[in-house]
Amino acid sequence: MPKSADCPCTGATLTKLVQPALLATLARGPMYGYRIAEELARLPIVKGERPDTTGLYRTLRSMEKRGLVVSKWAQSKVGPDRRLYRLTPAGAACLERWVQTLLDYHRGIADLLAKTKAACVRLRPSRRKGDK
């Protein structure tokens, strides 16, 4: 039996929504990767955990190849050079499409939530009888 922390029921798989989160974050303006990671960690969907930086940069590179973001190297006076990421017009259009996708998810999740709540209510009486 999997540990409950490893179970998808904890919401751990919700980080798959990192692309719309990245697009929405970059819609506020250009940012360095470290700052993007900080902003993503503030989102309730990731439960305060910093995203895996390797995965984050891999996703940003993939999005850049698809034309959703662009980046350029910026010299730093206090540390190593950093990449500055910016949303492109194609990325903004993708973000617009994500709004509809997320609305569809929201409706689907609301329906699933209602069904799972009803199922739990149906299970409660039988549990009590079995617990005696």
Protein backbone atom coordinates (compact mmCIF):
# COMPACT_ATOMS: atom_id res chain seq x y z
CA MET A 1 0.00 0.00 0.00
CA PRO A 2 1.50 3.41 -0.90
CA LYS A 3 2.29 5.88 1.83
CA SER A 4 -0.37 8.56 2.02
CA ALA A 5 2.25 11.24 1.26
CA ASP A 6 2.98 9.49 -2.05
CA CYS A 7 -0.67 9.12 -3.01
CA PRO A 8 -2.10 11.43 -5.69
CA CYS A 9 -4.95 12.13 -3.25
CA THR A 10 -2.59 14.56 -1.48
CA GLY A 11 -2.72 16.84 -4.51
CA ALA A 12 0.96 16.30 -5.29
CA THR A 13 0.21 15.89 -9.00
CA LEU A 14 -1.31 19.36 -9.23
CA THR A 15 2.16 20.69 -10.03
CA LYS A 16 1.43 19.51 -13.57
CA LEU A 17 -0.24 22.90 -13.91
CA VAL A 18 3.15 24.60 -13.81
CA GLN A 19 2.87 25.94 -17.39
CA PRO A 20 -0.16 28.15 -16.79
CA ALA A 21 1.38 29.18 -13.47
CA LEU A 22 4.59 30.18 -15.27
CA LEU A 23 2.72 32.07 -17.96
CA ALA A 24 0.61 33.92 -15.39
CA THR A 25 3.73 34.76 -13.37
CA LEU A 26 5.58 36.10 -16.40
CA ALA A 27 2.51 38.09 -17.48
CA ARG A 28 3.38 40.43 -14.59
CA GLY A 29 6.71 41.23 -16.23
CA PRO A 30 10.16 39.83 -17.02
CA MET A 31 11.78 37.79 -14.25
CA TYR A 32 14.87 35.79 -13.47
CA GLY A 33 14.49 32.07 -12.89
CA TYR A 34 15.11 32.33 -9.14
CA ARG A 35 12.38 34.94 -8.80
CA ILE A 36 10.00 32.82 -10.86
CA ALA A 37 10.61 29.90 -8.48
CA GLU A 38 9.89 32.17 -5.50
CA GLU A 39 6.64 33.37 -7.07
CA LEU A 40 5.51 29.84 -7.90
CA ALA A 41 6.19 28.75 -4.31
CA ARG A 42 3.66 31.36 -3.15
CA LEU A 43 0.84 29.79 -5.15
CA PRO A 44 -1.61 27.76 -3.04
CA ILE A 45 -1.59 24.97 -5.63
CA VAL A 46 2.04 24.10 -4.79
CA LYS A 47 1.39 24.28 -1.05
CA GLY A 48 4.31 26.58 -0.27
CA GLU A 49 6.99 24.28 -1.66
CA ARG A 50 9.61 25.62 -4.04
CA PRO A 51 9.35 23.91 -7.39
CA ASP A 52 12.15 21.60 -8.47
CA THR A 53 14.55 24.02 -10.15
CA THR A 54 15.76 21.47 -12.69
CA GLY A 55 12.20 20.80 -13.78
CA LEU A 56 11.40 24.51 -13.75
CA TYR A 57 14.30 25.39 -16.06
CA ARG A 58 13.52 22.40 -18.28
CA THR A 59 9.93 23.65 -18.60
CA LEU A 60 11.10 27.20 -19.33
CA ARG A 61 13.46 25.90 -22.06
CA SER A 62 10.64 23.85 -23.56
CA MET A 63 8.35 26.87 -23.50
CA GLU A 64 11.07 28.95 -25.11
CA LYS A 65 11.48 26.40 -27.92
CA ARG A 66 7.73 26.65 -28.52
CA GLY A 67 7.92 30.45 -28.65
CA LEU A 68 5.92 31.08 -25.47
CA VAL A 69 8.78 32.83 -23.64
CA VAL A 70 12.09 34.34 -24.59
CA SER A 71 15.17 34.76 -22.46
CA LYS A 72 18.42 36.65 -22.55
CA TRP A 73 21.50 36.62 -20.42
CA ALA A 74 21.84 39.54 -18.05
CA GLN A 75 25.11 40.43 -16.37
CA SER A 76 25.09 40.60 -12.61
CA LYS A 77 27.34 42.87 -10.58
CA VAL A 78 27.22 40.64 -7.51
CA GLY A 79 27.09 37.07 -8.84
CA PRO A 80 26.95 34.94 -11.93
CA ASP A 81 25.08 36.07 -15.02
CA ARG A 82 21.38 35.21 -15.02
CA ARG A 83 18.72 34.55 -17.60
CA LEU A 84 15.86 37.01 -17.76
CA TYR A 85 12.61 35.44 -18.99
CA ARG A 86 9.83 37.34 -20.72
CA LEU A 87 6.41 36.32 -22.04
CA THR A 88 5.95 36.53 -25.82
CA PRO A 89 2.72 37.40 -27.67
CA ALA A 90 2.37 33.64 -28.38
CA GLY A 91 2.76 33.00 -24.64
CA ALA A 92 0.06 35.56 -23.87
CA ALA A 93 -2.26 33.85 -26.37
CA CYS A 94 -1.47 30.49 -24.76
CA LEU A 95 -2.30 31.97 -21.35
CA GLU A 96 -5.67 33.10 -22.76
CA ARG A 97 -6.35 29.54 -23.93
CA TRP A 98 -5.35 28.22 -20.50
CA VAL A 99 -8.13 30.31 -18.96
CA GLN A 100 -10.75 28.28 -20.84
CA THR A 101 -8.95 25.01 -20.10
CA LEU A 102 -8.81 25.83 -16.40
CA LEU A 103 -12.47 26.83 -16.39
CA ASP A 104 -13.29 23.45 -17.93
CA TYR A 105 -11.11 21.73 -15.28
CA HIS A 106 -12.84 23.76 -12.59
CA ARG A 107 -16.27 22.59 -13.72
CA GLY A 108 -15.07 19.00 -13.97
CA ILE A 109 -13.45 19.13 -10.54
CA ALA A 110 -16.60 20.66 -9.03
CA ASP A 111 -18.64 17.78 -10.44
CA LEU A 112 -16.09 15.21 -9.22
CA LEU A 113 -16.04 16.84 -5.79
CA ALA A 114 -19.82 16.59 -5.51
CA LYS A 115 -19.70 12.91 -6.51
CA THR A 116 -16.89 12.04 -4.08
CA LYS A 117 -18.65 13.85 -1.23
CA ALA A 118 -21.85 11.93 -1.97
CA ALA A 119 -19.91 8.66 -2.09
CA CYS A 120 -18.33 9.42 1.30
CA VAL A 121 -21.75 10.17 2.78
CA ARG A 122 -23.04 6.84 1.47
CA LEU A 123 -20.04 5.03 2.99
CA ARG A 124 -20.31 6.59 6.45
CA PRO A 125 -23.31 4.62 7.77
CA SER A 126 -21.84 1.29 6.63
CA ARG A 127 -18.51 2.12 8.29
CA ARG A 128 -20.18 2.81 11.60
CA LYS A 129 -21.98 -0.53 11.49
CA GLY A 130 -18.74 -2.31 10.57
CA ASP A 131 -16.77 -0.55 13.32
CA LYS A 132 -18.91 -2.04 16.11
